[in-house]
Amino acid sequence: TSFLIISAMVLTLVGGGLTGCGSVSGKLRSSDLSFDYNGKKVSVKNDAEKNIEALGNPSEEQTSPNNEIDKSYVFGSETDSIELLTINDKTQSVVIHDSNVKTSRGIGVGSTYDDLIAAYGGIATTSTDDVASKITYQYDNCSLSFEIDEKNRVVTAITYSNNAMTRL
């Protein structure tokens, strides 16, 4: 499925060791690396079990065909989902497609580009193709990325990443 392709791409793009997120670098704070879901905190700094407990029962769970330590979980429906990617029971990334979930600064899927910049500032790494832009803010070994639809100028996905995660 496309989820597996996206998961493989995210896991391929991320490098480093099995360390966690640490000190400030850029405009993010530690509190920006988590979001509330049904009254519980979900964070790239949490182990996988804690995030799965907070997100509930996954609607889909897959283990990588290449090894048994890479896993992906989908929570929710196809259109309003949260994807959790793990390596060795540690959270590697959380990808939000659910418009009901907001970041610690109130940005969610459907928020405008202008709202995003007002909340997080304009100093960030950006990349663009014909369909979408990606704006990424860093906090040490972690990042918070927003995919922006180029035509409508709205957030279409939010990704929390622990960029220090890699396969052993």
C-alpha atoms as a PDB file:
ATOM      1  CA  THR A   1       0.000   0.000   0.000  1.00  0.00           C
ATOM      2  CA  SER A   2       0.984   3.639  -0.238  1.00  0.00           C
ATOM      3  CA  PHE A   3       1.382   3.664   3.550  1.00  0.00           C
ATOM      4  CA  LEU A   4       4.218   1.146   3.309  1.00  0.00           C
ATOM      5  CA  ILE A   5       5.905   3.190   0.599  1.00  0.00           C
ATOM      6  CA  ILE A   6       5.622   6.375   2.681  1.00  0.00           C
ATOM      7  CA  SER A   7       6.862   4.504   5.757  1.00  0.00           C
ATOM      8  CA  ALA A   8       9.830   3.120   3.854  1.00  0.00           C
ATOM      9  CA  MET A   9      10.659   6.574   2.503  1.00  0.00           C
ATOM     10  CA  VAL A  10      10.545   8.154   5.967  1.00  0.00           C
ATOM     11  CA  LEU A  11      12.689   5.395   7.444  1.00  0.00           C
ATOM     12  CA  THR A  12      15.163   5.675   4.559  1.00  0.00           C
ATOM     13  CA  LEU A  13      15.522   9.453   4.841  1.00  0.00           C
ATOM     14  CA  VAL A  14      16.298   9.432   8.548  1.00  0.00           C
ATOM     15  CA  GLY A  15      19.776   8.679   9.837  1.00  0.00           C
ATOM     16  CA  GLY A  16      21.860   8.709  13.027  1.00  0.00           C
ATOM     17  CA  GLY A  17      21.989   6.603  16.194  1.00  0.00           C
ATOM     18  CA  LEU A  18      19.451   5.413  18.740  1.00  0.00           C
ATOM     19  CA  THR A  19      19.574   8.555  20.845  1.00  0.00           C
ATOM     20  CA  GLY A  20      16.658  10.764  21.752  1.00  0.00           C
ATOM     21  CA  CYS A  21      15.759  14.369  21.174  1.00  0.00           C
ATOM     22  CA  GLY A  22      17.633  16.901  23.282  1.00  0.00           C
ATOM     23  CA  SER A  23      18.525  20.561  23.481  1.00  0.00           C
ATOM     24  CA  VAL A  24      17.070  23.497  21.551  1.00  0.00           C
ATOM     25  CA  SER A  25      18.271  24.323  18.056  1.00  0.00           C
ATOM     26  CA  GLY A  26      15.952  26.599  16.104  1.00  0.00           C
ATOM     27  CA  LYS A  27      12.500  27.828  17.090  1.00  0.00           C
ATOM     28  CA  LEU A  28      10.988  24.645  18.564  1.00  0.00           C
ATOM     29  CA  ARG A  29      10.701  23.860  22.258  1.00  0.00           C
ATOM     30  CA  SER A  30      10.576  20.399  23.811  1.00  0.00           C
ATOM     31  CA  SER A  31       6.823  20.843  24.327  1.00  0.00           C
ATOM     32  CA  ASP A  32       6.417  21.241  20.546  1.00  0.00           C
ATOM     33  CA  LEU A  33       7.434  17.597  20.038  1.00  0.00           C
ATOM     34  CA  SER A  34       4.162  16.231  21.405  1.00  0.00           C
ATOM     35  CA  PHE A  35       0.428  16.618  20.925  1.00  0.00           C
ATOM     36  CA  ASP A  36      -2.641  15.710  22.943  1.00  0.00           C
ATOM     37  CA  TYR A  37      -4.849  12.861  21.766  1.00  0.00           C
ATOM     38  CA  ASN A  38      -7.902  11.873  23.799  1.00  0.00           C
ATOM     39  CA  GLY A  39      -6.372  13.494  26.873  1.00  0.00           C
ATOM     40  CA  LYS A  40      -3.000  11.727  26.533  1.00  0.00           C
ATOM     41  CA  LYS A  41       0.379  12.956  25.260  1.00  0.00           C
ATOM     42  CA  VAL A  42       1.824  11.461  22.088  1.00  0.00           C
ATOM     43  CA  SER A  43       5.493  12.328  21.467  1.00  0.00           C
ATOM     44  CA  VAL A  44       8.447  11.266  19.352  1.00  0.00           C
ATOM     45  CA  LYS A  45      10.325  11.137  22.660  1.00  0.00           C
ATOM     46  CA  ASN A  46       7.997   8.375  23.972  1.00  0.00           C
ATOM     47  CA  ASP A  47       8.676   4.699  23.446  1.00  0.00           C
ATOM     48  CA  ALA A  48       6.318   2.977  21.013  1.00  0.00           C
ATOM     49  CA  GLU A  49       4.268   1.249  23.728  1.00  0.00           C
ATOM     50  CA  LYS A  50       3.388   4.543  25.429  1.00  0.00           C
ATOM     51  CA  ASN A  51       2.274   6.099  22.119  1.00  0.00           C
ATOM     52  CA  ILE A  52       0.244   3.026  21.142  1.00  0.00           C
ATOM     53  CA  GLU A  53      -1.467   3.154  24.544  1.00  0.00           C
ATOM     54  CA  ALA A  54      -2.302   6.836  23.995  1.00  0.00           C
ATOM     55  CA  LEU A  55      -3.544   6.326  20.417  1.00  0.00           C
ATOM     56  CA  GLY A  56      -5.658   3.218  21.116  1.00  0.00           C
ATOM     57  CA  ASN A  57      -6.091   0.120  19.003  1.00  0.00           C
ATOM     58  CA  PRO A  58      -4.467   0.400  15.569  1.00  0.00           C
ATOM     59  CA  SER A  59      -6.665  -0.207  12.537  1.00  0.00           C
ATOM     60  CA  GLU A  60      -3.585  -1.538  10.732  1.00  0.00           C
ATOM     61  CA  GLU A  61      -0.264  -2.952  11.954  1.00  0.00           C
ATOM     62  CA  GLN A  62       2.629  -4.042   9.756  1.00  0.00           C
ATOM     63  CA  THR A  63       6.132  -5.367  10.308  1.00  0.00           C
ATOM     64  CA  SER A  64       8.786  -4.578   7.734  1.00  0.00           C
ATOM     65  CA  PRO A  65       9.445  -7.458   5.330  1.00  0.00           C
ATOM     66  CA  ASN A  66      13.180  -6.682   5.699  1.00  0.00           C
ATOM     67  CA  ASN A  67      13.455  -7.049   9.493  1.00  0.00           C
ATOM     68  CA  GLU A  68      11.322  -7.500  12.569  1.00  0.00           C
ATOM     69  CA  ILE A  69      12.289  -4.291  14.371  1.00  0.00           C
ATOM     70  CA  ASP A  70      10.674  -1.805  11.942  1.00  0.00           C
ATOM     71  CA  LYS A  71       6.921  -1.559  12.461  1.00  0.00           C
ATOM     72  CA  SER A  72       4.145   0.728  11.312  1.00  0.00           C
ATOM     73  CA  TYR A  73       0.756   1.310  12.894  1.00  0.00           C
ATOM     74  CA  VAL A  74      -2.244   3.215  11.546  1.00  0.00           C
ATOM     75  CA  PHE A  75      -4.885   4.628  13.869  1.00  0.00           C
ATOM     76  CA  GLY A  76      -8.203   5.917  12.549  1.00  0.00           C
ATOM     77  CA  SER A  77      -9.701   5.891   9.080  1.00  0.00           C
ATOM     78  CA  GLU A  78      -7.970   6.266   5.735  1.00  0.00           C
ATOM     79  CA  THR A  79      -8.839   9.970   5.489  1.00  0.00           C
ATOM     80  CA  ASP A  80      -8.387  10.885   9.185  1.00  0.00           C
ATOM     81  CA  SER A  81      -5.408   8.838  10.304  1.00  0.00           C
ATOM     82  CA  ILE A  82      -2.352   8.936  12.502  1.00  0.00           C
ATOM     83  CA  GLU A  83       0.606   6.787  11.445  1.00  0.00           C
ATOM     84  CA  LEU A  84       3.181   5.635  13.993  1.00  0.00           C
ATOM     85  CA  LEU A  85       6.516   4.350  12.686  1.00  0.00           C
ATOM     86  CA  THR A  86       8.785   2.541  15.127  1.00  0.00           C
ATOM     87  CA  ILE A  87      12.259   1.041  15.172  1.00  0.00           C
ATOM     88  CA  ASN A  88      13.137  -1.463  17.882  1.00  0.00           C
ATOM     89  CA  ASP A  89      10.110  -0.404  19.979  1.00  0.00           C
ATOM     90  CA  LYS A  90      11.147   3.270  19.884  1.00  0.00           C
ATOM     91  CA  THR A  91       9.123   5.963  18.151  1.00  0.00           C
ATOM     92  CA  GLN A  92      10.749   7.101  14.913  1.00  0.00           C
ATOM     93  CA  SER A  93       7.933   9.291  13.626  1.00  0.00           C
ATOM     94  CA  VAL A  94       4.276  10.160  13.938  1.00  0.00           C
ATOM     95  CA  VAL A  95       2.446  11.350  10.806  1.00  0.00           C
ATOM     96  CA  ILE A  96      -0.888  13.112  11.267  1.00  0.00           C
ATOM     97  CA  HIS A  97      -3.591  13.214   8.572  1.00  0.00           C
ATOM     98  CA  ASP A  98      -6.417  13.741  11.094  1.00  0.00           C
ATOM     99  CA  SER A  99      -7.887  17.269  10.982  1.00  0.00           C
ATOM    100  CA  ASN A 100      -9.075  16.941  14.587  1.00  0.00           C
ATOM    101  CA  VAL A 101      -5.500  16.719  15.945  1.00  0.00           C
ATOM    102  CA  LYS A 102      -3.631  19.977  16.630  1.00  0.00           C
ATOM    103  CA  THR A 103      -0.008  20.702  17.486  1.00  0.00           C
ATOM    104  CA  SER A 104       0.869  22.347  20.800  1.00  0.00           C
ATOM    105  CA  ARG A 105       0.527  25.691  18.975  1.00  0.00           C
ATOM    106  CA  GLY A 106      -2.902  24.937  17.501  1.00  0.00           C
ATOM    107  CA  ILE A 107      -1.940  24.005  13.936  1.00  0.00           C
ATOM    108  CA  GLY A 108      -3.659  21.032  12.296  1.00  0.00           C
ATOM    109  CA  VAL A 109      -4.446  19.522   8.929  1.00  0.00           C
ATOM    110  CA  GLY A 110      -6.472  22.205   7.155  1.00  0.00           C
ATOM    111  CA  SER A 111      -4.699  25.152   8.836  1.00  0.00           C
ATOM    112  CA  THR A 112      -3.516  27.809   6.420  1.00  0.00           C
ATOM    113  CA  TYR A 113       0.090  28.552   5.530  1.00  0.00           C
ATOM    114  CA  ASP A 114      -0.325  31.996   7.114  1.00  0.00           C
ATOM    115  CA  ASP A 115      -1.561  30.425  10.384  1.00  0.00           C
ATOM    116  CA  LEU A 116       1.452  28.093  10.366  1.00  0.00           C
ATOM    117  CA  ILE A 117       3.948  30.923   9.905  1.00  0.00           C
ATOM    118  CA  ALA A 118       2.191  33.017  12.576  1.00  0.00           C
ATOM    119  CA  ALA A 119       2.447  30.106  15.040  1.00  0.00           C
ATOM    120  CA  TYR A 120       5.987  28.865  14.269  1.00  0.00           C
ATOM    121  CA  GLY A 121       7.764  31.652  12.397  1.00  0.00           C
ATOM    122  CA  GLY A 122       9.300  31.771   8.957  1.00  0.00           C
ATOM    123  CA  ILE A 123      12.766  30.474   9.804  1.00  0.00           C
ATOM    124  CA  ALA A 124      12.726  26.820   8.794  1.00  0.00           C
ATOM    125  CA  THR A 125      14.026  24.371   6.226  1.00  0.00           C
ATOM    126  CA  THR A 126      11.754  24.199   3.193  1.00  0.00           C
ATOM    127  CA  SER A 127      11.507  21.941   0.166  1.00  0.00           C
ATOM    128  CA  THR A 128       9.048  22.184  -2.709  1.00  0.00           C
ATOM    129  CA  ASP A 129       7.804  20.153  -5.644  1.00  0.00           C
ATOM    130  CA  ASP A 130       4.919  20.824  -8.057  1.00  0.00           C
ATOM    131  CA  VAL A 131       2.254  19.621  -5.632  1.00  0.00           C
ATOM    132  CA  ALA A 132       3.441  20.378  -2.099  1.00  0.00           C
ATOM    133  CA  SER A 133       5.943  22.236   0.035  1.00  0.00           C
ATOM    134  CA  LYS A 134       7.425  20.873   3.218  1.00  0.00           C
ATOM    135  CA  ILE A 135       8.347  23.223   6.040  1.00  0.00           C
ATOM    136  CA  THR A 136      10.522  21.662   8.738  1.00  0.00           C
ATOM    137  CA  TYR A 137      11.428  23.044  12.159  1.00  0.00           C
ATOM    138  CA  GLN A 138      14.256  21.453  14.183  1.00  0.00           C
ATOM    139  CA  TYR A 139      14.765  20.724  17.866  1.00  0.00           C
ATOM    140  CA  ASP A 140      18.148  19.001  18.242  1.00  0.00           C
ATOM    141  CA  ASN A 141      17.687  15.465  16.842  1.00  0.00           C
ATOM    142  CA  CYS A 142      13.947  15.943  16.317  1.00  0.00           C
ATOM    143  CA  SER A 143      11.862  17.772  13.757  1.00  0.00           C
ATOM    144  CA  LEU A 144       8.330  18.906  13.157  1.00  0.00           C
ATOM    145  CA  SER A 145       7.372  19.074   9.471  1.00  0.00           C
ATOM    146  CA  PHE A 146       4.297  20.450   7.776  1.00  0.00           C
ATOM    147  CA  GLU A 147       3.311  19.442   4.255  1.00  0.00           C
ATOM    148  CA  ILE A 148       1.563  22.328   2.491  1.00  0.00           C
ATOM    149  CA  ASP A 149      -0.664  21.907  -0.568  1.00  0.00           C
ATOM    150  CA  GLU A 150       0.761  24.385  -3.109  1.00  0.00           C
ATOM    151  CA  LYS A 151      -2.588  25.169  -4.743  1.00  0.00           C
ATOM    152  CA  ASN A 152      -4.727  25.716  -1.643  1.00  0.00           C
ATOM    153  CA  ARG A 153      -1.915  26.788   0.744  1.00  0.00           C
ATOM    154  CA  VAL A 154      -3.156  24.578   3.601  1.00  0.00           C
ATOM    155  CA  VAL A 155      -1.483  21.955   5.806  1.00  0.00           C
ATOM    156  CA  THR A 156      -2.155  18.429   4.484  1.00  0.00           C
ATOM    157  CA  ALA A 157       0.080  16.434   6.871  1.00  0.00           C
ATOM    158  CA  ILE A 158       2.141  16.952  10.020  1.00  0.00           C
ATOM    159  CA  THR A 159       5.153  14.775  10.828  1.00  0.00           C
ATOM    160  CA  TYR A 160       6.921  14.556  14.179  1.00  0.00           C
ATOM    161  CA  SER A 161      10.304  12.816  13.686  1.00  0.00           C
ATOM    162  CA  ASN A 162      13.075  11.566  15.901  1.00  0.00           C
ATOM    163  CA  ASN A 163      15.873  12.024  13.364  1.00  0.00           C
ATOM    164  CA  ALA A 164      18.353  10.121  15.526  1.00  0.00           C
ATOM    165  CA  MET A 165      16.569   6.810  14.952  1.00  0.00           C
ATOM    166  CA  THR A 166      18.063   4.205  12.657  1.00  0.00           C
ATOM    167  CA  ARG A 167      18.088   0.463  12.229  1.00  0.00           C
ATOM    168  CA  LEU A 168      20.721  -1.416  14.239  1.00  0.00           C
END
